[in-house]
Amino acid sequence: MKKSHLSGSILVLMMLVCLNCRNSPGGNMEEKTTGMAADTTLSGIRHAYFKDTIDGKGTTLYVLTNSKGTEAVFTNYGQRLISLMVPDREGNYADIVLGFDSLAPYTRGRGGFFGAVVGRYGNRIGNASFELDGTSYQLAKNNGDNHLHGGETGFESVVWDVDSVANNYISFHRVSPDMEEGYPGNLDVHVAYTLTDSNELVIDYRATTDKKTHVNLTNHSYFNLKGAGEGDVTSHIMQINADSITPVDSELIPTGELKAVEGTPFDFRKPKAIDRDINAGDDQLEYGRGYDHNFVLNDSPKNEEGLIFAARVLEPQSGRVMEVYTSEPGVQFYGGNFLNGEVIGKKGRAYPFRGAFCLETQHFPDSPNRPEFPSTVLEPGEEYQTTTVYAFGVEP
């Protein structure tokens, strides 16, 4: 991947060393640990607390690190990013993603979707139903009268296989069976993560189906660039490359319109603090208790790989910067409005109101019922393929 254009940034070069990983691609692979004798990771996560058997499949951790100590920790339960240690401008490391110290909380209440891959359909589908070729499909109503993030048991609540591991790469795989959560078709899904020497976490999603269906996958990591549990994110400086949003009704279902951001609290085309306009009295902000909206990405600028620049976030105190590039037409900016301090996360820290943000690259919510939106239909013989990059650095 091309090095991100992080203005004034100092990028940390990263190499992957897989701890407790598997050393041969495909088939049955033996566990091994290298580089770290202790059971505890740099972020304080213990391997032993993620060992279990769920639905006959074993769960474990996969630790990716570089020579300078930067670390990303995954589990195959829900294909979740458990922790991500990145440096600030002084070289001090902090874990910048919300989550838990052990597996058990992730298995309750869908684990808040912390760090998970979300599917089959990320975001909401109105009335929990859609029609394909004259056939109506009823989905779970798990968000009022609507369908959210794949149903009662989405991709975040199953154990994934690890089908390939290399020094800078890991690939997860599962087959979602026909009519799982009401969706037609056996959906064969692969999601791969590559950590580049430019400090980019590249996520490649692929899927095929044997029946016409809808697919919209995303990653639901909650970020706080000060560190997980270190207060709210309202002072983070956000930029989103979007001239419009898809406005929603009171149930957060898109109305079908595109609404220009100019002159509204949703104008992040130039960087501004998240909380600058958050109390502007806009009805859209009232519906979501803040920002919880799909932004319609502009077609440019793009990087050399043709991925659209979607967003840039700066945490002024630490200097940490995150940029997002994607092949998706939209990004959901969620401002942690439903966190309330009751969730106790890693190191016993409470996650407060607006204690994190999400930037979920995606097709638009309710696209199956909105022919005017970009289509999420996947046909047999086609391949669903999409890429998102989260790039990290610091600003002096």
Protein backbone atom coordinates (compact mmCIF):
# COMPACT_ATOMS: atom_id res chain seq x y z
CA MET A 1 0.00 0.00 0.00
CA LYS A 2 1.07 3.56 -0.58
CA LYS A 3 2.25 5.52 2.46
CA SER A 4 -0.60 7.65 3.84
CA HIS A 5 -0.32 11.40 3.50
CA LEU A 6 -0.42 12.15 7.25
CA SER A 7 0.33 15.86 7.37
CA GLY A 8 3.44 16.36 9.48
CA SER A 9 3.26 12.77 10.63
CA ILE A 10 6.02 10.45 11.74
CA LEU A 11 4.98 6.96 10.72
CA VAL A 12 6.13 3.99 12.70
CA LEU A 13 7.47 1.18 10.54
CA MET A 14 5.84 -2.09 11.46
CA MET A 15 6.56 -5.77 10.94
CA LEU A 16 4.33 -8.57 12.11
CA VAL A 17 5.46 -11.23 14.49
CA CYS A 18 2.67 -13.69 15.18
CA LEU A 19 2.42 -14.86 18.78
CA ASN A 20 0.34 -17.90 19.53
CA CYS A 21 -0.29 -18.10 15.80
CA ARG A 22 -0.33 -20.95 13.37
CA ASN A 23 2.63 -21.56 11.16
CA SER A 24 1.32 -23.19 8.02
CA PRO A 25 -1.37 -21.80 5.73
CA GLY A 26 -4.58 -23.82 5.60
CA GLY A 27 -5.40 -27.18 7.15
CA ASN A 28 -4.50 -28.03 10.73
CA MET A 29 -1.81 -25.74 12.06
CA GLU A 30 0.19 -26.00 15.27
CA GLU A 31 0.19 -23.14 17.76
CA LYS A 32 3.45 -21.43 18.55
CA THR A 33 4.68 -18.39 20.41
CA THR A 34 7.67 -16.31 19.44
CA GLY A 35 9.31 -13.19 20.76
CA MET A 36 7.42 -13.02 24.08
CA ALA A 37 7.73 -15.63 26.81
CA ALA A 38 4.98 -14.29 29.05
CA ASP A 39 1.31 -15.08 28.65
CA THR A 40 0.55 -11.35 28.87
CA THR A 41 0.69 -9.05 25.84
CA LEU A 42 2.13 -5.55 25.77
CA SER A 43 -1.37 -4.13 26.18
CA GLY A 44 -1.94 -6.29 29.27
CA ILE A 45 -4.22 -8.81 27.55
CA ARG A 46 -3.61 -12.39 28.73
CA HIS A 47 -3.81 -15.31 26.30
CA ALA A 48 -5.25 -17.58 28.98
CA TYR A 49 -8.32 -15.37 29.38
CA PHE A 50 -9.29 -15.91 25.73
CA LYS A 51 -8.94 -19.70 25.63
CA ASP A 52 -12.31 -21.45 25.36
CA THR A 53 -14.40 -23.74 23.20
CA ILE A 54 -17.59 -22.31 21.67
CA ASP A 55 -19.85 -24.42 19.47
CA GLY A 56 -17.06 -26.99 19.24
CA LYS A 57 -14.42 -24.51 18.06
CA GLY A 58 -11.44 -23.26 20.03
CA THR A 59 -10.85 -19.57 20.65
CA THR A 60 -7.48 -17.92 21.14
CA LEU A 61 -5.50 -14.73 20.59
CA TYR A 62 -3.32 -13.67 17.69
CA VAL A 63 -0.74 -11.01 18.51
CA LEU A 64 0.84 -8.90 15.78
CA THR A 65 3.82 -6.75 16.71
CA ASN A 66 6.80 -4.91 15.26
CA SER A 67 10.40 -4.54 16.36
CA LYS A 68 9.64 -1.29 18.23
CA GLY A 69 6.86 -2.86 20.28
CA THR A 70 3.72 -1.70 18.48
CA GLU A 71 1.05 -4.34 18.93
CA ALA A 72 -2.34 -5.42 17.54
CA VAL A 73 -4.24 -8.26 19.25
CA PHE A 74 -7.06 -10.24 17.63
CA THR A 75 -9.29 -13.10 18.69
CA ASN A 76 -11.02 -15.47 16.30
CA TYR A 77 -14.26 -15.07 18.28
CA GLY A 78 -16.15 -12.53 16.19
CA GLN A 79 -12.89 -11.74 14.41
CA ARG A 80 -12.37 -8.92 16.88
CA LEU A 81 -9.56 -6.41 17.25
CA ILE A 82 -8.99 -6.65 21.02
CA SER A 83 -6.27 -4.04 21.47
CA LEU A 84 -4.10 -1.77 19.37
CA MET A 85 -1.00 -0.17 20.87
CA VAL A 86 0.27 2.88 18.96
CA PRO A 87 2.71 5.63 19.99
CA ASP A 88 2.09 9.29 20.65
CA ARG A 89 4.40 12.12 19.56
CA GLU A 90 6.71 11.37 22.52
CA GLY A 91 6.91 7.67 21.67
CA ASN A 92 4.60 6.62 24.53
CA TYR A 93 2.29 3.73 23.65
CA ALA A 94 -1.42 3.45 24.50
CA ASP A 95 -4.19 1.02 23.62
CA ILE A 96 -6.57 3.05 21.43
CA VAL A 97 -9.48 0.60 20.92
CA LEU A 98 -12.21 -0.17 23.42
CA GLY A 99 -12.88 -3.73 24.53
CA PHE A 100 -12.41 -6.19 27.38
CA ASP A 101 -9.60 -8.05 29.15
CA SER A 102 -11.20 -11.50 28.73
CA LEU A 103 -13.42 -13.40 26.32
CA ALA A 104 -16.53 -13.72 28.51
CA PRO A 105 -17.82 -10.11 28.18
CA TYR A 106 -17.64 -10.36 24.40
CA THR A 107 -20.05 -13.31 24.50
CA ARG A 108 -22.73 -11.34 26.40
CA GLY A 109 -25.06 -8.86 24.72
CA ARG A 110 -23.08 -9.13 21.46
CA GLY A 111 -20.09 -7.66 23.28
CA GLY A 112 -21.09 -4.14 22.31
CA PHE A 113 -19.68 -4.99 18.84
CA PHE A 114 -16.30 -3.84 20.18
CA GLY A 115 -13.65 -4.48 17.49
CA ALA A 116 -15.83 -6.94 15.57
CA VAL A 117 -16.42 -7.68 11.92
CA VAL A 118 -20.12 -7.00 11.30
CA GLY A 119 -22.36 -8.88 8.88
CA ARG A 120 -24.09 -10.07 6.92
CA TYR A 121 -25.37 -6.52 6.81
CA GLY A 122 -23.68 -3.79 8.78
CA ASN A 123 -26.02 -1.03 9.97
CA ARG A 124 -29.83 -0.96 9.78
CA ILE A 125 -32.46 -2.43 7.47
CA GLY A 126 -35.89 -0.84 7.83
CA ASN A 127 -38.80 -3.00 8.95
CA ALA A 128 -36.35 -5.91 9.22
CA SER A 129 -37.23 -7.12 5.73
CA PHE A 130 -36.39 -6.84 2.06
CA GLU A 131 -37.56 -8.25 -1.24
CA LEU A 132 -35.41 -9.95 -3.88
CA ASP A 133 -36.85 -11.05 -7.24
CA GLY A 134 -40.37 -11.10 -5.85
CA THR A 135 -39.52 -13.06 -2.70
CA SER A 136 -39.85 -11.38 0.68
CA TYR A 137 -37.28 -12.12 3.37
CA GLN A 138 -38.04 -11.48 7.03
CA LEU A 139 -35.09 -10.66 9.28
CA ALA A 140 -34.81 -10.37 13.05
CA LYS A 141 -36.28 -7.22 14.58
CA ASN A 142 -33.43 -6.52 16.98
CA ASN A 143 -33.47 -2.70 16.89
CA GLY A 144 -37.06 -1.66 17.52
CA ASP A 145 -38.96 -2.69 14.40
CA ASN A 146 -35.74 -2.74 12.41
CA HIS A 147 -32.78 -5.03 11.78
CA LEU A 148 -29.29 -4.09 12.97
CA HIS A 149 -25.82 -5.51 12.24
CA GLY A 150 -26.86 -8.92 10.91
CA GLY A 151 -29.53 -9.99 13.39
CA GLU A 152 -29.66 -11.73 16.74
CA THR A 153 -26.45 -13.69 16.09
CA GLY A 154 -24.28 -11.81 13.64
CA PHE A 155 -20.72 -12.36 12.48
CA GLU A 156 -19.45 -10.85 15.74
CA SER A 157 -20.87 -13.77 17.76
CA VAL A 158 -19.33 -16.80 16.02
CA VAL A 159 -15.90 -18.42 16.00
CA TRP A 160 -14.00 -17.87 12.76
CA ASP A 161 -11.39 -20.16 11.21
CA VAL A 162 -7.89 -18.85 10.61
CA ASP A 163 -6.96 -20.13 7.17
CA SER A 164 -3.70 -18.30 6.49
CA VAL A 165 -0.97 -16.60 8.50
CA ALA A 166 2.23 -14.94 7.33
CA ASN A 167 4.63 -12.51 8.96
CA ASN A 168 2.46 -9.48 8.11
CA TYR A 169 -0.87 -11.09 7.29
CA ILE A 170 -3.74 -13.05 8.80
CA SER A 171 -6.91 -14.26 7.08
CA PHE A 172 -10.18 -15.30 8.74
CA HIS A 173 -12.84 -17.45 7.07
CA ARG A 174 -16.33 -18.85 7.62
CA VAL A 175 -19.37 -19.93 5.62
CA SER A 176 -22.63 -18.31 6.65
CA PRO A 177 -25.26 -20.95 5.83
CA ASP A 178 -28.32 -20.37 3.67
CA MET A 179 -31.05 -18.51 5.62
CA GLU A 180 -28.79 -17.71 8.57
CA GLU A 181 -30.61 -14.82 10.28
CA GLY A 182 -33.02 -14.81 7.32
CA TYR A 183 -30.52 -14.09 4.53
CA PRO A 184 -30.59 -16.29 1.43
CA GLY A 185 -27.56 -18.12 0.09
CA ASN A 186 -24.54 -19.90 1.47
CA LEU A 187 -22.15 -16.97 1.85
CA ASP A 188 -18.44 -17.89 1.79
CA VAL A 189 -16.57 -15.07 3.53
CA HIS A 190 -12.85 -14.28 3.82
CA VAL A 191 -11.50 -11.25 5.70
CA ALA A 192 -7.76 -10.58 5.65
CA TYR A 193 -5.64 -8.11 7.61
CA THR A 194 -2.27 -6.83 6.42
CA LEU A 195 -0.09 -4.54 8.51
CA THR A 196 2.27 -2.61 6.24
CA ASP A 197 5.60 -0.96 6.94
CA SER A 198 3.78 2.39 6.58
CA ASN A 199 1.72 1.59 9.69
CA GLU A 200 -1.46 0.87 7.74
CA LEU A 201 -3.91 -1.81 8.83
CA VAL A 202 -5.39 -2.98 5.53
CA ILE A 203 -8.66 -4.93 5.70
CA ASP A 204 -9.69 -6.91 2.59
CA TYR A 205 -13.17 -8.41 2.53
CA ARG A 206 -14.22 -11.07 -0.03
CA ALA A 207 -17.38 -13.15 -0.34
CA THR A 208 -19.22 -15.39 -2.81
CA THR A 209 -22.74 -16.80 -2.71
CA ASP A 210 -24.77 -19.58 -4.31
CA LYS A 211 -28.01 -17.52 -4.19
CA LYS A 212 -28.75 -13.90 -4.85
CA THR A 213 -28.38 -12.05 -1.54
CA HIS A 214 -27.39 -8.80 0.17
CA VAL A 215 -23.95 -8.21 1.70
CA ASN A 216 -22.52 -5.20 3.54
CA LEU A 217 -19.52 -5.97 5.77
CA THR A 218 -17.64 -3.55 8.01
CA ASN A 219 -15.38 -3.34 11.05
CA HIS A 220 -16.87 -1.96 14.26
CA SER A 221 -13.81 -0.88 16.23
CA TYR A 222 -14.32 1.90 18.78
CA PHE A 223 -11.38 4.32 18.83
CA ASN A 224 -10.15 6.78 21.43
CA LEU A 225 -6.79 8.17 20.35
CA LYS A 226 -6.05 9.29 23.90
CA GLY A 227 -6.38 5.67 25.01
CA ALA A 228 -9.30 3.37 25.80
CA GLY A 229 -11.11 4.61 28.89
CA GLU A 230 -9.27 7.96 28.90
CA GLY A 231 -12.34 10.21 28.92
CA ASP A 232 -14.45 11.25 25.95
CA VAL A 233 -13.44 11.95 22.35
CA THR A 234 -15.26 15.24 21.83
CA SER A 235 -12.02 17.23 21.55
CA HIS A 236 -10.69 14.98 18.74
CA ILE A 237 -10.36 16.91 15.47
CA MET A 238 -12.43 15.17 12.78
CA GLN A 239 -12.39 15.57 9.00
CA ILE A 240 -14.77 13.62 6.73
CA ASN A 241 -14.55 13.80 2.94
CA ALA A 242 -18.29 14.06 2.28
CA ASP A 243 -20.52 16.74 0.79
CA SER A 244 -23.72 15.01 1.95
CA ILE A 245 -25.25 12.55 4.40
CA THR A 246 -28.20 10.19 4.18
CA PRO A 247 -30.60 11.79 6.71
CA VAL A 248 -32.63 9.48 8.95
CA ASP A 249 -35.99 9.34 10.67
CA SER A 250 -36.48 9.03 14.42
CA GLU A 251 -35.63 5.29 14.24
CA LEU A 252 -32.34 6.07 12.43
CA ILE A 253 -33.57 4.62 9.13
CA PRO A 254 -32.60 6.67 6.04
CA THR A 255 -35.36 8.70 4.44
CA GLY A 256 -33.92 8.03 0.98
CA GLU A 257 -32.70 11.59 0.50
CA LEU A 258 -29.20 12.97 0.24
CA LYS A 259 -28.75 16.09 2.37
CA ALA A 260 -25.93 18.57 1.78
CA VAL A 261 -23.69 19.09 4.80
CA GLU A 262 -22.96 22.72 3.96
CA GLY A 263 -24.29 25.01 6.65
CA THR A 264 -25.13 22.12 9.00
CA PRO A 265 -23.39 20.50 12.00
CA PHE A 266 -22.48 17.64 9.64
CA ASP A 267 -19.97 19.68 7.67
CA PHE A 268 -16.63 18.05 8.48
CA ARG A 269 -15.05 18.84 5.12
CA LYS A 270 -12.61 21.03 7.03
CA PRO A 271 -11.21 19.66 10.31
CA LYS A 272 -13.11 20.63 13.45
CA ALA A 273 -13.57 19.35 16.98
CA ILE A 274 -16.26 16.70 17.24
CA ASP A 275 -18.16 18.72 19.83
CA ARG A 276 -18.02 22.09 18.06
CA ASP A 277 -21.55 21.83 16.63
CA ILE A 278 -22.87 18.82 18.53
CA ASN A 279 -25.37 20.90 20.52
CA ALA A 280 -26.66 22.88 17.55
CA GLY A 281 -30.26 21.72 18.01
CA ASP A 282 -30.43 19.91 14.66
CA ASP A 283 -33.17 17.25 14.58
CA GLN A 284 -30.74 14.76 13.05
CA LEU A 285 -28.49 15.10 16.09
CA GLU A 286 -31.48 14.68 18.38
CA TYR A 287 -32.47 11.42 16.67
CA GLY A 288 -29.02 9.90 17.21
CA ARG A 289 -28.18 11.64 20.51
CA GLY A 290 -25.29 13.06 18.51
CA TYR A 291 -23.50 11.81 15.41
CA ASP A 292 -24.66 8.39 14.19
CA HIS A 293 -25.00 8.95 10.46
CA ASN A 294 -23.87 7.69 7.10
CA PHE A 295 -21.69 10.17 5.21
CA VAL A 296 -21.74 9.93 1.40
CA LEU A 297 -18.09 9.97 0.42
CA ASN A 298 -16.82 12.13 -2.42
CA ASP A 299 -15.21 10.36 -5.36
CA SER A 300 -11.81 12.00 -4.75
CA PRO A 301 -9.09 12.35 -3.64
CA LYS A 302 -7.84 8.80 -3.99
CA ASN A 303 -4.55 7.14 -3.17
CA GLU A 304 -2.44 5.25 -5.71
CA GLU A 305 -4.47 2.08 -5.11
CA GLY A 306 -7.68 3.92 -6.02
CA LEU A 307 -9.05 4.02 -2.50
CA ILE A 308 -11.03 7.11 -1.50
CA PHE A 309 -9.77 9.29 1.32
CA ALA A 310 -12.66 9.01 3.79
CA ALA A 311 -11.61 10.63 7.05
CA ARG A 312 -8.80 11.96 9.23
CA VAL A 313 -8.82 12.23 13.02
CA LEU A 314 -6.28 14.05 15.21
CA GLU A 315 -6.07 13.86 19.00
CA PRO A 316 -4.32 17.14 19.85
CA GLN A 317 -2.90 16.21 23.25
CA SER A 318 -1.10 13.04 22.15
CA GLY A 319 -0.60 13.99 18.51
CA ARG A 320 -1.97 10.61 17.39
CA VAL A 321 -3.54 10.64 13.92
CA MET A 322 -5.74 8.11 12.15
CA GLU A 323 -6.66 8.27 8.47
CA VAL A 324 -9.21 6.09 6.68
CA TYR A 325 -9.18 5.06 3.01
CA THR A 326 -11.80 2.83 1.42
CA SER A 327 -13.41 1.45 -1.72
CA GLU A 328 -16.83 1.85 -0.07
CA PRO A 329 -19.23 4.69 -1.00
CA GLY A 330 -20.01 5.64 2.60
CA VAL A 331 -18.76 5.79 6.16
CA GLN A 332 -20.83 5.73 9.35
CA PHE A 333 -19.53 8.21 11.88
CA TYR A 334 -20.76 7.11 15.29
CA GLY A 335 -19.79 9.26 18.25
CA GLY A 336 -20.26 6.81 21.12
CA ASN A 337 -23.61 8.33 22.03
CA PHE A 338 -24.99 5.14 23.58
CA LEU A 339 -22.02 4.55 25.86
CA ASN A 340 -23.03 5.63 29.36
CA GLY A 341 -20.25 4.71 31.78
CA GLU A 342 -21.88 1.43 32.79
CA VAL A 343 -19.64 -0.75 30.60
CA ILE A 344 -16.42 -1.58 32.45
CA GLY A 345 -13.68 -2.36 29.98
CA LYS A 346 -9.98 -3.13 29.98
CA LYS A 347 -8.04 -2.45 33.19
CA GLY A 348 -11.31 -1.83 35.02
CA ARG A 349 -11.97 1.45 33.22
CA ALA A 350 -15.51 2.65 32.56
CA TYR A 351 -16.36 3.70 29.01
CA PRO A 352 -18.15 7.06 29.35
CA PHE A 353 -20.70 8.84 27.19
CA ARG A 354 -18.98 9.66 23.89
CA GLY A 355 -15.91 7.79 25.09
CA ALA A 356 -15.05 6.60 21.57
CA PHE A 357 -15.84 7.08 17.91
CA CYS A 358 -16.39 4.59 15.09
CA LEU A 359 -15.70 5.12 11.39
CA GLU A 360 -17.45 2.16 9.75
CA THR A 361 -16.87 2.05 6.00
CA GLN A 362 -19.93 0.70 4.26
CA HIS A 363 -22.67 0.79 1.68
CA PHE A 364 -25.59 2.87 2.88
CA PRO A 365 -28.04 1.75 5.59
CA ASP A 366 -31.31 0.24 4.29
CA SER A 367 -29.93 -0.10 0.76
CA PRO A 368 -31.92 -3.35 0.22
CA ASN A 369 -35.09 -1.20 0.39
CA ARG A 370 -33.68 1.84 -1.38
CA PRO A 371 -33.07 1.23 -5.11
CA GLU A 372 -31.78 4.81 -5.40
CA PHE A 373 -28.80 3.88 -3.15
CA PRO A 374 -25.73 1.93 -4.38
CA SER A 375 -26.71 -1.73 -4.58
CA THR A 376 -25.64 -4.33 -2.00
CA VAL A 377 -26.87 -7.27 -4.12
CA LEU A 378 -24.41 -10.12 -4.65
CA GLU A 379 -25.17 -12.61 -7.44
CA PRO A 380 -23.89 -16.18 -7.81
CA GLY A 381 -20.74 -16.12 -9.93
CA GLU A 382 -19.79 -12.65 -8.67
CA GLU A 383 -17.32 -11.79 -5.92
CA TYR A 384 -17.93 -9.23 -3.22
CA GLN A 385 -14.64 -7.41 -2.72
CA THR A 386 -13.94 -4.29 -0.73
CA THR A 387 -10.91 -2.79 1.01
CA THR A 388 -10.50 -0.37 3.90
CA VAL A 389 -7.26 1.05 5.32
CA TYR A 390 -6.77 2.50 8.79
CA ALA A 391 -3.45 4.37 8.81
CA PHE A 392 -1.78 5.59 12.01
CA GLY A 393 0.85 8.20 12.69
CA VAL A 394 1.55 11.27 14.78
CA GLU A 395 1.54 15.02 14.24
CA PRO A 396 4.29 17.07 15.91
